[in-house]
């Protein structure tokens, strides 16, 4: 019975870690962290990729501003406190990549928007993450999902990110793809200290079957 229980716990730990692993993996753009949110490439279309990600657990907070940079800076400070010990276990948690910024698509440019910032929890903490001590910081889950992705370099400032999202949206609309329209993700892989060869992404969650080019 003890062996069976141990096996069940081991299988649970394997299934919940969402393929969070070595940043040197081929399916990784993480160059500054030990672990990365790994994916399987489903296909590549004209101006986008389709990726499959397994379910994963994150720590999240929100901040409101007219500008994404200001909101995410405020949110980052709260999450940084969580990973540096402001949690019920007093644990210091390694930074991972990428960082997700959830953006509401319905907000007018003349209104402040609420941005959700999420840090991916390392594989060590996927099964049993320490609870935050700040009430505005909370644990969240992303489901097993397929994602439409557009990659780009440089700095992920508001105008650049918005332009890249619109370009991805146009590519998807051109092939009549169906995707989540209420929100999208701006996705960053690099710290502010990295100047060259930065990697950013725009994500839309696939709805239904993804649109892939027909094989010849």
C-alpha atoms as a PDB file:
ATOM      1  CA  UNK A   1       0.000   0.000   0.000  1.00  0.00           C
ATOM      2  CA  UNK A   2       2.854   2.395   0.846  1.00  0.00           C
ATOM      3  CA  UNK A   3       4.521   1.646  -2.494  1.00  0.00           C
ATOM      4  CA  UNK A   4       1.238   2.213  -4.349  1.00  0.00           C
ATOM      5  CA  UNK A   5       0.691   5.529  -2.569  1.00  0.00           C
ATOM      6  CA  UNK A   6       4.221   6.610  -3.417  1.00  0.00           C
ATOM      7  CA  UNK A   7       3.697   5.699  -7.066  1.00  0.00           C
ATOM      8  CA  UNK A   8       0.468   7.723  -7.209  1.00  0.00           C
ATOM      9  CA  UNK A   9       2.200  10.747  -5.698  1.00  0.00           C
ATOM     10  CA  UNK A  10       5.072  10.404  -8.161  1.00  0.00           C
ATOM     11  CA  UNK A  11       2.695  10.231 -11.112  1.00  0.00           C
ATOM     12  CA  UNK A  12       0.826  13.271  -9.807  1.00  0.00           C
ATOM     13  CA  UNK A  13       4.043  15.243  -9.518  1.00  0.00           C
ATOM     14  CA  UNK A  14       4.997  14.323 -13.080  1.00  0.00           C
ATOM     15  CA  UNK A  15       1.627  15.327 -14.522  1.00  0.00           C
ATOM     16  CA  UNK A  16       1.331  18.710 -12.820  1.00  0.00           C
ATOM     17  CA  UNK A  17       4.745  20.130 -13.664  1.00  0.00           C
ATOM     18  CA  UNK A  18       3.598  21.195 -17.134  1.00  0.00           C
ATOM     19  CA  UNK A  19       6.900  20.280 -18.779  1.00  0.00           C
ATOM     20  CA  UNK A  20       8.742  22.904 -16.819  1.00  0.00           C
ATOM     21  CA  UNK A  21      12.326  21.961 -17.312  1.00  0.00           C
ATOM     22  CA  UNK A  22      15.862  22.615 -18.422  1.00  0.00           C
ATOM     23  CA  UNK A  23      16.275  25.950 -20.175  1.00  0.00           C
ATOM     24  CA  UNK A  24      18.822  24.362 -22.533  1.00  0.00           C
ATOM     25  CA  UNK A  25      16.022  22.323 -24.143  1.00  0.00           C
ATOM     26  CA  UNK A  26      15.408  22.836 -27.860  1.00  0.00           C
ATOM     27  CA  UNK A  27      11.897  24.130 -27.085  1.00  0.00           C
ATOM     28  CA  UNK A  28      13.223  26.955 -24.912  1.00  0.00           C
ATOM     29  CA  UNK A  29      13.951  30.635 -25.408  1.00  0.00           C
ATOM     30  CA  UNK A  30      15.066  30.977 -21.790  1.00  0.00           C
ATOM     31  CA  UNK A  31      18.657  32.165 -21.536  1.00  0.00           C
ATOM     32  CA  UNK A  32      18.706  33.629 -18.018  1.00  0.00           C
ATOM     33  CA  UNK A  33      16.840  31.061 -15.900  1.00  0.00           C
ATOM     34  CA  UNK A  34      17.405  27.426 -14.970  1.00  0.00           C
ATOM     35  CA  UNK A  35      13.892  26.341 -15.891  1.00  0.00           C
ATOM     36  CA  UNK A  36      11.515  27.267 -18.676  1.00  0.00           C
ATOM     37  CA  UNK A  37       7.925  26.565 -19.741  1.00  0.00           C
ATOM     38  CA  UNK A  38       8.577  23.978 -22.445  1.00  0.00           C
ATOM     39  CA  UNK A  39       6.278  23.321 -25.387  1.00  0.00           C
ATOM     40  CA  UNK A  40       5.678  21.116 -28.399  1.00  0.00           C
ATOM     41  CA  UNK A  41       5.538  22.846 -31.765  1.00  0.00           C
ATOM     42  CA  UNK A  42       2.333  21.747 -33.493  1.00  0.00           C
ATOM     43  CA  UNK A  43       2.885  23.622 -36.761  1.00  0.00           C
ATOM     44  CA  UNK A  44       4.030  26.918 -38.256  1.00  0.00           C
ATOM     45  CA  UNK A  45       1.729  29.052 -40.382  1.00  0.00           C
ATOM     46  CA  UNK A  46       2.177  32.322 -42.249  1.00  0.00           C
ATOM     47  CA  UNK A  47       3.195  34.743 -39.500  1.00  0.00           C
ATOM     48  CA  UNK A  48       2.477  32.496 -36.524  1.00  0.00           C
ATOM     49  CA  UNK A  49       3.265  29.238 -34.744  1.00  0.00           C
ATOM     50  CA  UNK A  50       0.901  26.839 -33.031  1.00  0.00           C
ATOM     51  CA  UNK A  51       2.283  25.429 -29.776  1.00  0.00           C
ATOM     52  CA  UNK A  52       1.006  22.951 -27.227  1.00  0.00           C
ATOM     53  CA  UNK A  53       1.608  23.649 -23.538  1.00  0.00           C
ATOM     54  CA  UNK A  54       0.698  21.339 -20.689  1.00  0.00           C
ATOM     55  CA  UNK A  55      -1.175  22.600 -17.620  1.00  0.00           C
ATOM     56  CA  UNK A  56       0.945  24.609 -15.188  1.00  0.00           C
ATOM     57  CA  UNK A  57       0.734  26.595 -11.969  1.00  0.00           C
ATOM     58  CA  UNK A  58       1.712  30.263 -11.635  1.00  0.00           C
ATOM     59  CA  UNK A  59       1.769  33.009  -9.025  1.00  0.00           C
ATOM     60  CA  UNK A  60      -0.181  36.072 -10.130  1.00  0.00           C
ATOM     61  CA  UNK A  61      -1.110  39.603  -9.170  1.00  0.00           C
ATOM     62  CA  UNK A  62      -2.804  42.533 -10.904  1.00  0.00           C
ATOM     63  CA  UNK A  63      -2.183  46.244 -11.271  1.00  0.00           C
ATOM     64  CA  UNK A  64      -4.090  49.018 -13.018  1.00  0.00           C
ATOM     65  CA  UNK A  65      -2.665  51.792 -15.165  1.00  0.00           C
ATOM     66  CA  UNK A  66      -3.027  53.579 -18.476  1.00  0.00           C
ATOM     67  CA  UNK A  67       0.350  52.115 -19.419  1.00  0.00           C
ATOM     68  CA  UNK A  68       1.375  48.454 -19.387  1.00  0.00           C
ATOM     69  CA  UNK A  69       4.914  49.308 -18.272  1.00  0.00           C
ATOM     70  CA  UNK A  70       3.740  51.102 -15.125  1.00  0.00           C
ATOM     71  CA  UNK A  71       1.235  48.392 -14.183  1.00  0.00           C
ATOM     72  CA  UNK A  72       3.679  45.539 -14.681  1.00  0.00           C
ATOM     73  CA  UNK A  73       6.394  47.354 -12.733  1.00  0.00           C
ATOM     74  CA  UNK A  74       4.057  47.605  -9.739  1.00  0.00           C
ATOM     75  CA  UNK A  75       2.958  43.995 -10.116  1.00  0.00           C
ATOM     76  CA  UNK A  76       6.532  42.765 -10.534  1.00  0.00           C
ATOM     77  CA  UNK A  77       7.532  44.166  -7.144  1.00  0.00           C
ATOM     78  CA  UNK A  78       4.762  42.194  -5.422  1.00  0.00           C
ATOM     79  CA  UNK A  79       5.668  38.933  -7.157  1.00  0.00           C
ATOM     80  CA  UNK A  80       9.361  39.477  -6.499  1.00  0.00           C
ATOM     81  CA  UNK A  81       8.599  39.733  -2.784  1.00  0.00           C
ATOM     82  CA  UNK A  82       6.717  36.422  -3.016  1.00  0.00           C
ATOM     83  CA  UNK A  83       9.631  34.551  -4.610  1.00  0.00           C
ATOM     84  CA  UNK A  84      12.150  36.093  -2.196  1.00  0.00           C
ATOM     85  CA  UNK A  85      10.417  34.833   0.925  1.00  0.00           C
ATOM     86  CA  UNK A  86       7.077  36.590   1.431  1.00  0.00           C
ATOM     87  CA  UNK A  87       5.159  33.313   1.402  1.00  0.00           C
ATOM     88  CA  UNK A  88       3.890  31.015   4.153  1.00  0.00           C
ATOM     89  CA  UNK A  89       6.913  28.719   3.847  1.00  0.00           C
ATOM     90  CA  UNK A  90       9.409  31.583   3.864  1.00  0.00           C
ATOM     91  CA  UNK A  91      10.869  29.919   0.776  1.00  0.00           C
ATOM     92  CA  UNK A  92      13.181  31.552  -1.737  1.00  0.00           C
ATOM     93  CA  UNK A  93      11.938  30.491  -5.163  1.00  0.00           C
ATOM     94  CA  UNK A  94      13.994  30.564  -8.352  1.00  0.00           C
ATOM     95  CA  UNK A  95      12.892  32.866 -11.145  1.00  0.00           C
ATOM     96  CA  UNK A  96      11.706  31.073 -14.275  1.00  0.00           C
ATOM     97  CA  UNK A  97      10.650  32.136 -17.755  1.00  0.00           C
ATOM     98  CA  UNK A  98       8.559  33.252 -19.441  1.00  0.00           C
ATOM     99  CA  UNK A  99       6.597  35.921 -17.594  1.00  0.00           C
ATOM    100  CA  UNK A 100       2.983  36.310 -18.730  1.00  0.00           C
ATOM    101  CA  UNK A 101       1.110  39.605 -18.955  1.00  0.00           C
ATOM    102  CA  UNK A 102      -2.629  39.094 -19.404  1.00  0.00           C
ATOM    103  CA  UNK A 103      -4.201  41.967 -21.335  1.00  0.00           C
ATOM    104  CA  UNK A 104      -7.928  42.672 -21.565  1.00  0.00           C
ATOM    105  CA  UNK A 105      -8.826  43.291 -25.221  1.00  0.00           C
ATOM    106  CA  UNK A 106     -11.980  45.307 -24.499  1.00  0.00           C
ATOM    107  CA  UNK A 107     -10.335  48.255 -22.732  1.00  0.00           C
ATOM    108  CA  UNK A 108     -10.245  51.523 -24.663  1.00  0.00           C
ATOM    109  CA  UNK A 109      -6.880  53.224 -25.082  1.00  0.00           C
ATOM    110  CA  UNK A 110      -8.351  56.189 -23.163  1.00  0.00           C
ATOM    111  CA  UNK A 111      -9.154  54.055 -20.112  1.00  0.00           C
ATOM    112  CA  UNK A 112      -6.857  52.536 -17.490  1.00  0.00           C
ATOM    113  CA  UNK A 113      -6.574  48.784 -17.831  1.00  0.00           C
ATOM    114  CA  UNK A 114      -6.009  46.011 -15.319  1.00  0.00           C
ATOM    115  CA  UNK A 115      -2.989  43.907 -16.248  1.00  0.00           C
ATOM    116  CA  UNK A 116      -2.365  40.469 -14.768  1.00  0.00           C
ATOM    117  CA  UNK A 117       1.281  39.523 -14.262  1.00  0.00           C
ATOM    118  CA  UNK A 118       2.229  35.881 -13.678  1.00  0.00           C
ATOM    119  CA  UNK A 119       5.485  34.160 -12.731  1.00  0.00           C
ATOM    120  CA  UNK A 120       5.794  30.483 -13.627  1.00  0.00           C
ATOM    121  CA  UNK A 121       6.461  28.362 -10.548  1.00  0.00           C
ATOM    122  CA  UNK A 122       9.501  26.049 -10.804  1.00  0.00           C
ATOM    123  CA  UNK A 123       8.923  22.302 -11.164  1.00  0.00           C
ATOM    124  CA  UNK A 124       9.837  21.857  -7.483  1.00  0.00           C
ATOM    125  CA  UNK A 125       6.777  23.882  -6.437  1.00  0.00           C
ATOM    126  CA  UNK A 126       4.229  22.877  -9.081  1.00  0.00           C
ATOM    127  CA  UNK A 127       2.569  20.206  -6.935  1.00  0.00           C
ATOM    128  CA  UNK A 128       2.565  22.116  -3.646  1.00  0.00           C
ATOM    129  CA  UNK A 129       3.439  25.821  -3.948  1.00  0.00           C
ATOM    130  CA  UNK A 130       3.726  27.944  -0.794  1.00  0.00           C
ATOM    131  CA  UNK A 131       0.748  30.230  -0.259  1.00  0.00           C
ATOM    132  CA  UNK A 132       1.330  33.978  -0.624  1.00  0.00           C
ATOM    133  CA  UNK A 133       1.114  36.139   2.493  1.00  0.00           C
ATOM    134  CA  UNK A 134       0.004  39.187   0.482  1.00  0.00           C
ATOM    135  CA  UNK A 135      -3.758  38.986  -0.143  1.00  0.00           C
ATOM    136  CA  UNK A 136      -3.340  40.624  -3.567  1.00  0.00           C
ATOM    137  CA  UNK A 137      -1.026  37.823  -4.725  1.00  0.00           C
ATOM    138  CA  UNK A 138      -2.589  34.474  -5.575  1.00  0.00           C
ATOM    139  CA  UNK A 139      -1.909  31.129  -7.239  1.00  0.00           C
ATOM    140  CA  UNK A 140      -3.368  30.445 -10.684  1.00  0.00           C
ATOM    141  CA  UNK A 141      -3.409  27.639 -13.232  1.00  0.00           C
ATOM    142  CA  UNK A 142      -3.179  27.612 -16.993  1.00  0.00           C
ATOM    143  CA  UNK A 143      -4.890  24.588 -18.554  1.00  0.00           C
ATOM    144  CA  UNK A 144      -3.493  22.182 -21.091  1.00  0.00           C
ATOM    145  CA  UNK A 145      -3.751  24.408 -24.148  1.00  0.00           C
ATOM    146  CA  UNK A 146      -2.744  25.219 -27.691  1.00  0.00           C
ATOM    147  CA  UNK A 147      -1.581  28.752 -28.403  1.00  0.00           C
ATOM    148  CA  UNK A 148      -1.085  30.909 -31.496  1.00  0.00           C
ATOM    149  CA  UNK A 149       2.282  32.637 -31.113  1.00  0.00           C
ATOM    150  CA  UNK A 150       4.162  35.474 -32.790  1.00  0.00           C
ATOM    151  CA  UNK A 151       7.771  36.047 -31.721  1.00  0.00           C
ATOM    152  CA  UNK A 152       9.631  39.352 -31.878  1.00  0.00           C
ATOM    153  CA  UNK A 153      12.768  40.959 -30.509  1.00  0.00           C
ATOM    154  CA  UNK A 154      13.623  44.241 -28.838  1.00  0.00           C
ATOM    155  CA  UNK A 155      11.823  45.731 -25.855  1.00  0.00           C
ATOM    156  CA  UNK A 156       8.221  44.842 -25.053  1.00  0.00           C
ATOM    157  CA  UNK A 157       6.878  48.354 -24.583  1.00  0.00           C
ATOM    158  CA  UNK A 158       3.169  49.108 -24.985  1.00  0.00           C
ATOM    159  CA  UNK A 159       3.172  50.393 -28.569  1.00  0.00           C
ATOM    160  CA  UNK A 160       5.453  47.618 -29.819  1.00  0.00           C
ATOM    161  CA  UNK A 161       3.475  44.900 -28.044  1.00  0.00           C
ATOM    162  CA  UNK A 162       0.170  46.264 -29.366  1.00  0.00           C
ATOM    163  CA  UNK A 163       1.533  46.364 -32.919  1.00  0.00           C
ATOM    164  CA  UNK A 164       2.758  42.767 -32.692  1.00  0.00           C
ATOM    165  CA  UNK A 165      -0.588  41.603 -31.304  1.00  0.00           C
ATOM    166  CA  UNK A 166      -2.448  43.324 -34.143  1.00  0.00           C
ATOM    167  CA  UNK A 167      -0.118  41.718 -36.697  1.00  0.00           C
ATOM    168  CA  UNK A 168      -0.761  38.290 -35.184  1.00  0.00           C
ATOM    169  CA  UNK A 169      -4.501  38.947 -35.131  1.00  0.00           C
ATOM    170  CA  UNK A 170      -4.432  39.859 -38.833  1.00  0.00           C
ATOM    171  CA  UNK A 171      -2.523  36.673 -39.680  1.00  0.00           C
ATOM    172  CA  UNK A 172      -5.058  34.574 -37.776  1.00  0.00           C
ATOM    173  CA  UNK A 173      -8.068  36.339 -39.257  1.00  0.00           C
ATOM    174  CA  UNK A 174      -6.643  35.809 -42.752  1.00  0.00           C
ATOM    175  CA  UNK A 175      -6.796  32.033 -42.253  1.00  0.00           C
ATOM    176  CA  UNK A 176     -10.137  32.204 -40.390  1.00  0.00           C
ATOM    177  CA  UNK A 177      -8.619  30.882 -37.172  1.00  0.00           C
ATOM    178  CA  UNK A 178     -10.750  30.890 -34.025  1.00  0.00           C
ATOM    179  CA  UNK A 179      -9.153  32.090 -30.810  1.00  0.00           C
ATOM    180  CA  UNK A 180      -9.892  33.684 -27.456  1.00  0.00           C
ATOM    181  CA  UNK A 181     -10.889  37.293 -28.153  1.00  0.00           C
ATOM    182  CA  UNK A 182     -11.515  38.633 -24.637  1.00  0.00           C
ATOM    183  CA  UNK A 183      -7.824  38.723 -23.748  1.00  0.00           C
ATOM    184  CA  UNK A 184      -4.342  37.913 -25.001  1.00  0.00           C
ATOM    185  CA  UNK A 185      -0.927  37.461 -23.428  1.00  0.00           C
ATOM    186  CA  UNK A 186       2.209  39.524 -23.849  1.00  0.00           C
ATOM    187  CA  UNK A 187       5.054  37.169 -23.006  1.00  0.00           C
ATOM    188  CA  UNK A 188       8.568  38.132 -21.940  1.00  0.00           C
ATOM    189  CA  UNK A 189      11.660  35.978 -21.516  1.00  0.00           C
ATOM    190  CA  UNK A 190      14.357  38.456 -20.489  1.00  0.00           C
ATOM    191  CA  UNK A 191      15.362  40.594 -17.532  1.00  0.00           C
ATOM    192  CA  UNK A 192      15.914  44.352 -17.982  1.00  0.00           C
ATOM    193  CA  UNK A 193      19.661  43.690 -17.744  1.00  0.00           C
ATOM    194  CA  UNK A 194      19.718  41.855 -21.064  1.00  0.00           C
ATOM    195  CA  UNK A 195      20.245  44.384 -23.847  1.00  0.00           C
ATOM    196  CA  UNK A 196      20.796  42.324 -26.998  1.00  0.00           C
ATOM    197  CA  UNK A 197      18.986  39.319 -28.491  1.00  0.00           C
ATOM    198  CA  UNK A 198      15.836  39.779 -26.455  1.00  0.00           C
ATOM    199  CA  UNK A 199      12.862  37.485 -27.083  1.00  0.00           C
ATOM    200  CA  UNK A 200       9.193  38.385 -26.667  1.00  0.00           C
ATOM    201  CA  UNK A 201       5.950  36.846 -27.855  1.00  0.00           C
ATOM    202  CA  UNK A 202       2.266  37.592 -28.406  1.00  0.00           C
ATOM    203  CA  UNK A 203      -0.162  34.762 -27.563  1.00  0.00           C
ATOM    204  CA  UNK A 204      -3.774  34.061 -28.429  1.00  0.00           C
ATOM    205  CA  UNK A 205      -5.347  30.926 -26.947  1.00  0.00           C
ATOM    206  CA  UNK A 206      -6.624  28.550 -29.640  1.00  0.00           C
ATOM    207  CA  UNK A 207     -10.350  27.809 -29.640  1.00  0.00           C
ATOM    208  CA  UNK A 208     -11.403  24.618 -31.391  1.00  0.00           C
ATOM    209  CA  UNK A 209      -8.906  23.044 -33.756  1.00  0.00           C
ATOM    210  CA  UNK A 210      -5.839  25.108 -34.680  1.00  0.00           C
ATOM    211  CA  UNK A 211      -5.339  26.187 -38.280  1.00  0.00           C
ATOM    212  CA  UNK A 212      -2.206  24.585 -39.705  1.00  0.00           C
ATOM    213  CA  UNK A 213      -0.916  24.743 -43.286  1.00  0.00           C
ATOM    214  CA  UNK A 214      -1.875  21.766 -45.402  1.00  0.00           C
ATOM    215  CA  UNK A 215       0.972  19.341 -45.957  1.00  0.00           C
ATOM    216  CA  UNK A 216       1.860  18.842 -49.606  1.00  0.00           C
END
